[in-house]
N, C-alpha and C. Protein backbone atom coordinates (compact mmCIF):
# COMPACT_ATOMS: atom_id res chain seq x y z
N UNK A 1 0.77 -1.32 -0.08
CA UNK A 1 0.03 -0.02 0.06
C UNK A 1 0.89 1.28 0.05
N UNK A 2 0.73 2.24 -0.79
CA UNK A 2 1.29 3.42 -1.28
C UNK A 2 1.10 4.35 0.41
N UNK A 3 2.34 4.93 0.83
CA UNK A 3 2.03 6.08 1.85
C UNK A 3 1.96 7.38 1.26
N UNK A 4 1.13 8.09 1.89
CA UNK A 4 0.96 9.65 1.52
C UNK A 4 1.67 10.31 2.62
N UNK A 5 2.44 11.44 2.02
CA UNK A 5 3.02 12.18 3.02
C UNK A 5 1.89 13.12 3.69
N UNK A 6 2.17 13.36 5.07
CA UNK A 6 1.49 13.97 5.96
C UNK A 6 0.57 15.43 5.28
N UNK A 7 1.69 16.11 5.03
CA UNK A 7 1.19 17.56 4.17
C UNK A 7 0.31 17.35 3.21
N UNK A 8 0.85 16.39 2.41
CA UNK A 8 -0.29 16.12 1.10
C UNK A 8 -1.60 15.79 1.64
N UNK A 9 -1.84 14.80 2.50
CA UNK A 9 -2.87 14.40 2.95
C UNK A 9 -3.69 15.75 3.58
N UNK A 10 -3.12 16.74 4.43
CA UNK A 10 -3.70 17.62 4.97
C UNK A 10 -4.22 18.49 3.76
N UNK A 11 -3.49 18.87 2.73
CA UNK A 11 -3.90 19.51 1.73
C UNK A 11 -5.29 19.07 0.99
N UNK A 12 -5.47 17.64 1.04
CA UNK A 12 -6.47 17.14 0.32
C UNK A 12 -7.62 17.28 1.07
N UNK A 13 -7.42 17.08 2.50
CA UNK A 13 -8.61 17.34 3.29
C UNK A 13 -9.13 18.86 3.33
N UNK A 14 -8.24 19.65 3.44
CA UNK A 14 -8.64 21.12 3.12
C UNK A 14 -9.14 21.59 2.30
N UNK A 15 -8.93 20.80 0.97
CA UNK A 15 -9.50 20.85 -0.32
C UNK A 15 -10.75 20.57 -0.31
N UNK A 16 -11.21 19.55 0.21
CA UNK A 16 -12.45 18.89 0.57
C UNK A 16 -13.42 19.77 1.32
N UNK A 17 -12.73 20.22 2.34
CA UNK A 17 -13.56 21.12 3.23
C UNK A 17 -13.70 22.16 2.46
N UNK A 18 -13.00 22.97 1.95
CA UNK A 18 -13.37 24.21 1.19
C UNK A 18 -14.36 23.98 0.07
N UNK A 19 -14.02 22.88 -0.88
CA UNK A 19 -15.06 22.83 -1.76
C UNK A 19 -16.34 22.50 -1.25
N UNK A 20 -16.41 21.70 -0.26
CA UNK A 20 -17.76 21.45 0.36
C UNK A 20 -18.74 22.85 0.63
N UNK A 21 -17.86 23.79 1.34
CA UNK A 21 -18.10 24.98 1.46
C UNK A 21 -18.64 25.84 0.41
N UNK A 22 -17.84 25.84 -0.85
CA UNK A 22 -18.11 26.55 -1.98
C UNK A 22 -19.24 26.07 -2.59
N UNK A 23 -19.38 24.75 -2.44
CA UNK A 23 -20.59 24.10 -3.32
C UNK A 23 -21.71 24.54 -2.33
N UNK A 24 -21.83 24.45 -1.05
CA UNK A 24 -22.87 24.54 -0.34
C UNK A 24 -23.21 26.42 -0.34
N UNK A 25 -22.40 27.24 -0.51
CA UNK A 25 -22.75 28.53 -0.83
C UNK A 25 -23.31 28.79 -2.21
N UNK A 26 -22.66 28.19 -3.35
CA UNK A 26 -23.12 28.38 -4.52
C UNK A 26 -24.60 27.68 -4.75
N UNK A 27 -24.56 26.30 -4.37
CA UNK A 27 -25.93 26.01 -4.52
C UNK A 27 -27.06 26.35 -3.63
N UNK A 28 -26.66 26.59 -2.63
CA UNK A 28 -27.78 26.76 -1.39
C UNK A 28 -27.68 28.23 -1.07
N UNK A 29 -26.82 29.12 -1.71
CA UNK A 29 -27.19 30.45 -1.57
C UNK A 29 -27.50 31.22 -2.81
N UNK A 30 -26.52 31.38 -3.81
CA UNK A 30 -26.58 32.14 -4.82
C UNK A 30 -27.64 31.60 -6.01
N UNK A 31 -27.47 30.24 -5.86
CA UNK A 31 -28.46 29.49 -7.19
C UNK A 31 -29.51 28.74 -6.40
N UNK A 32 -30.05 29.04 -5.13
CA UNK A 32 -31.08 28.44 -4.42
C UNK A 32 -32.34 28.47 -5.32
N UNK A 33 -32.74 29.61 -5.78
CA UNK A 33 -33.89 29.65 -6.64
C UNK A 33 -34.11 29.12 -7.87
N UNK A 34 -32.88 28.33 -8.52
CA UNK A 34 -32.89 27.87 -9.93
C UNK A 34 -33.04 26.50 -9.69
N UNK A 35 -33.06 25.87 -8.72
CA UNK A 35 -33.20 24.49 -8.58
C UNK A 35 -34.67 24.21 -7.72
N UNK A 36 -35.49 23.23 -7.89
CA UNK A 36 -36.38 22.84 -6.86
C UNK A 36 -35.93 22.38 -5.76
N UNK A 37 -36.74 22.47 -4.68
CA UNK A 37 -36.38 22.07 -3.28
C UNK A 37 -36.00 20.53 -3.16
N UNK A 38 -36.81 19.77 -4.00
CA UNK A 38 -36.38 18.35 -4.07
C UNK A 38 -35.06 18.27 -4.42
N UNK A 39 -34.53 18.69 -5.23
CA UNK A 39 -33.15 18.58 -6.06
C UNK A 39 -32.15 19.06 -4.81
N UNK A 40 -32.40 20.15 -4.27
CA UNK A 40 -31.68 20.79 -3.49
C UNK A 40 -31.49 19.89 -1.98
N UNK A 41 -32.49 19.42 -1.48
CA UNK A 41 -32.38 18.29 -0.42
C UNK A 41 -31.73 17.32 -0.75
N UNK A 42 -32.07 16.65 -1.82
CA UNK A 42 -31.54 15.17 -2.25
C UNK A 42 -30.10 15.46 -2.47
N UNK A 43 -29.58 16.47 -3.01
CA UNK A 43 -28.26 16.72 -3.43
C UNK A 43 -27.36 17.39 -2.17
N UNK A 44 -27.94 17.57 -1.22
CA UNK A 44 -27.27 18.30 0.00
C UNK A 44 -26.40 17.32 0.58
N UNK A 45 -26.29 15.93 0.15
CA UNK A 45 -25.74 15.07 0.91
C UNK A 45 -24.18 14.96 0.19
N UNK A 46 -24.12 15.62 -1.03
CA UNK A 46 -22.61 15.77 -1.51
C UNK A 46 -21.84 16.54 -0.46
N UNK A 47 -22.35 17.97 -0.71
CA UNK A 47 -21.38 18.70 0.38
C UNK A 47 -21.21 18.35 1.73
N UNK A 48 -22.41 17.64 2.29
CA UNK A 48 -22.20 17.19 3.71
C UNK A 48 -21.39 16.05 3.65
N UNK A 49 -20.95 15.14 2.58
CA UNK A 49 -20.18 14.03 2.53
C UNK A 49 -18.63 14.84 2.43
N UNK A 50 -18.57 15.42 1.65
CA UNK A 50 -17.33 16.29 1.61
C UNK A 50 -16.76 17.04 2.83
N UNK A 51 -17.74 17.78 3.44
CA UNK A 51 -17.36 18.38 4.68
C UNK A 51 -17.09 17.39 5.72
N UNK A 52 -17.73 16.25 5.80
CA UNK A 52 -17.44 15.21 7.04
C UNK A 52 -16.20 14.72 6.69
N UNK A 53 -15.94 14.36 5.52
CA UNK A 53 -14.68 13.70 4.94
C UNK A 53 -13.56 14.67 5.50
N UNK A 54 -13.70 15.79 4.98
CA UNK A 54 -12.43 16.81 5.26
C UNK A 54 -12.34 17.02 6.99
N UNK A 55 -13.39 17.32 7.57
CA UNK A 55 -13.33 17.24 9.22
C UNK A 55 -12.70 15.78 9.66
N UNK A 56 -13.10 14.84 9.14
CA UNK A 56 -12.55 13.60 9.93
C UNK A 56 -11.12 13.41 9.52
N UNK A 57 -10.82 13.69 8.31
CA UNK A 57 -9.05 13.55 7.92
C UNK A 57 -8.48 14.51 8.67
N UNK A 58 -9.08 16.01 8.85
CA UNK A 58 -8.00 16.88 9.61
C UNK A 58 -7.94 16.67 11.04
N UNK A 59 -8.99 15.78 11.57
CA UNK A 59 -9.07 15.25 12.91
C UNK A 59 -8.24 14.09 13.34
N UNK A 60 -8.18 13.33 12.16
CA UNK A 60 -7.57 12.06 12.31
C UNK A 60 -6.22 11.79 13.38
N UNK A 61 -5.23 12.69 12.94
CA UNK A 61 -3.89 12.41 13.65
C UNK A 61 -4.23 12.72 15.22
N UNK A 62 -5.36 13.58 15.66
CA UNK A 62 -5.38 13.91 16.99
C UNK A 62 -6.49 13.02 17.41
N UNK A 63 -7.18 12.13 16.99
CA UNK A 63 -8.07 11.13 17.71
C UNK A 63 -7.77 9.84 17.26
N UNK A 64 -6.69 9.42 16.46
CA UNK A 64 -6.64 7.91 16.10
C UNK A 64 -6.27 7.13 17.44
N UNK A 65 -6.66 6.01 17.26
CA UNK A 65 -6.54 5.16 18.53
C UNK A 65 -4.82 4.81 18.67
N UNK A 66 -4.62 4.69 20.00
CA UNK A 66 -3.06 4.62 20.25
C UNK A 66 -2.53 3.01 20.47
N UNK A 67 -3.82 2.20 20.93
CA UNK A 67 -3.70 0.87 21.26
C UNK A 67 -4.83 -0.01 21.19
N UNK A 68 -4.80 -1.15 21.43
CA UNK A 68 -6.24 -2.13 21.45
C UNK A 68 -7.14 -1.63 22.44
N UNK A 69 -6.92 -1.22 23.61
CA UNK A 69 -7.64 -0.87 24.83
C UNK A 69 -8.55 0.33 24.42
N UNK A 70 -8.18 1.21 23.61
CA UNK A 70 -8.89 2.50 23.51
C UNK A 70 -9.74 2.32 22.04
N UNK A 71 -9.94 1.23 21.38
CA UNK A 71 -10.74 1.19 20.32
C UNK A 71 -12.33 1.42 20.65
N UNK A 72 -12.68 0.85 21.73
CA UNK A 72 -14.29 1.25 22.24
C UNK A 72 -14.44 2.86 22.44
N UNK A 73 -13.34 3.33 23.06
CA UNK A 73 -13.86 5.02 23.39
C UNK A 73 -13.43 5.64 22.17
N UNK A 74 -12.46 5.13 20.89
CA UNK A 74 -12.34 5.90 19.89
C UNK A 74 -13.36 5.74 19.05
N UNK A 75 -14.28 4.56 18.83
CA UNK A 75 -15.40 4.28 18.07
C UNK A 75 -16.40 5.23 18.72
N UNK A 76 -16.68 5.33 19.93
CA UNK A 76 -17.79 6.29 20.54
C UNK A 76 -17.61 7.64 20.22
N UNK A 77 -16.23 8.09 20.25
CA UNK A 77 -15.93 9.56 19.93
C UNK A 77 -16.08 9.90 18.36
N UNK A 78 -16.03 8.84 17.46
CA UNK A 78 -16.01 9.04 16.08
C UNK A 78 -17.58 8.95 15.87
N UNK A 79 -18.31 8.08 16.62
CA UNK A 79 -19.74 8.09 16.32
C UNK A 79 -20.45 9.35 16.76
N UNK A 80 -19.94 10.19 17.79
CA UNK A 80 -20.32 11.37 18.68
C UNK A 80 -20.04 12.42 17.45
N UNK A 81 -18.80 12.48 16.89
CA UNK A 81 -18.42 13.37 15.80
C UNK A 81 -19.56 13.40 14.62
N UNK A 82 -19.78 12.20 14.25
CA UNK A 82 -20.67 12.00 13.13
C UNK A 82 -22.08 12.36 13.28
N UNK A 83 -22.60 11.91 14.59
CA UNK A 83 -23.88 12.31 14.92
C UNK A 83 -23.95 13.83 15.25
N UNK A 84 -23.15 14.31 15.54
CA UNK A 84 -23.22 15.92 15.74
C UNK A 84 -23.24 16.64 14.51
N UNK A 85 -22.44 16.36 13.63
CA UNK A 85 -22.49 16.83 12.14
C UNK A 85 -23.71 16.51 11.36
N UNK A 86 -24.14 15.23 11.73
CA UNK A 86 -25.51 14.84 10.97
C UNK A 86 -26.62 15.79 11.28
N UNK A 87 -26.78 15.87 12.77
CA UNK A 87 -27.64 16.46 13.34
C UNK A 87 -27.73 18.19 12.95
N UNK A 88 -26.50 18.70 12.74
CA UNK A 88 -26.27 20.08 12.27
C UNK A 88 -26.72 19.97 10.82
N UNK A 89 -26.55 19.04 9.95
CA UNK A 89 -27.05 19.13 8.71
C UNK A 89 -28.46 18.81 8.61
N UNK A 90 -29.12 17.94 9.42
CA UNK A 90 -30.73 17.84 9.43
C UNK A 90 -31.26 18.88 10.04
N UNK A 91 -31.05 19.39 11.19
CA UNK A 91 -31.68 20.38 11.98
C UNK A 91 -31.58 21.86 11.66
N UNK A 92 -30.27 22.07 10.82
CA UNK A 92 -30.09 23.42 10.74
C UNK A 92 -30.12 23.86 9.24
N UNK A 93 -29.36 22.88 8.62
CA UNK A 93 -28.94 23.39 7.07
C UNK A 93 -30.25 22.90 6.29
N UNK A 94 -30.95 21.79 6.51
CA UNK A 94 -32.01 21.49 5.66
C UNK A 94 -33.32 21.95 5.84
N UNK A 95 -33.57 22.77 7.27
CA UNK A 95 -34.65 23.70 7.25
C UNK A 95 -34.22 25.04 6.77
N UNK A 96 -33.05 25.40 6.59
CA UNK A 96 -32.72 26.69 5.90
C UNK A 96 -32.92 26.40 4.52
N UNK A 97 -32.80 25.18 3.85
CA UNK A 97 -32.97 25.10 2.41
C UNK A 97 -34.61 25.06 2.24
N UNK A 98 -35.29 24.32 3.09
CA UNK A 98 -36.77 24.02 2.90
C UNK A 98 -37.44 24.08 4.11
N UNK A 99 -37.97 25.29 4.54
CA UNK A 99 -38.54 25.56 5.86
C UNK A 99 -39.66 24.58 6.06
N UNK A 100 -40.62 24.22 5.19
CA UNK A 100 -41.60 23.37 5.14
C UNK A 100 -40.95 21.59 4.55
N UNK A 101 -39.98 21.08 5.37
CA UNK A 101 -39.44 20.07 4.96
C UNK A 101 -40.59 18.74 4.09
N UNK A 102 -41.37 18.55 4.94
CA UNK A 102 -42.30 17.70 4.30
C UNK A 102 -43.07 18.04 3.11
N UNK A 103 -43.30 19.21 2.92
CA UNK A 103 -43.73 19.74 1.82
C UNK A 103 -42.99 19.70 0.76
N UNK A 104 -41.55 19.77 0.90
CA UNK A 104 -40.73 20.04 -0.08
C UNK A 104 -40.38 18.50 -0.80
N UNK A 105 -40.53 17.60 0.14
CA UNK A 105 -40.31 16.20 -0.43
C UNK A 105 -41.58 15.70 -1.06
N UNK A 106 -42.65 16.26 -1.08
CA UNK A 106 -43.83 15.78 -1.76
C UNK A 106 -44.73 14.84 -0.86
N UNK A 107 -44.38 15.02 0.49
CA UNK A 107 -45.27 13.85 1.30
C UNK A 107 -46.42 14.55 1.69
């Protein structure tokens, strides 16, 4: 397996993080009225995925497990990080895109 230099990996994670913010601002700010609410809601997973990948990659050197005994606490910490980011996405960003979320899905 090829190794990646730490500086290169950080650059990639920063690029993913910045790209997610750019996509978010363009599609959900400037071009929000150009797309239907359904398209915006269903495509919101793309910048969310890029953002979570960037955050996780940047935090990995800080939170990576040091031995076998810390894998459970590490898994709980990663789960907590992902659930916090997911709740921000669902409870803050999606209501901003569509205040009547059920109506936007056509339910």
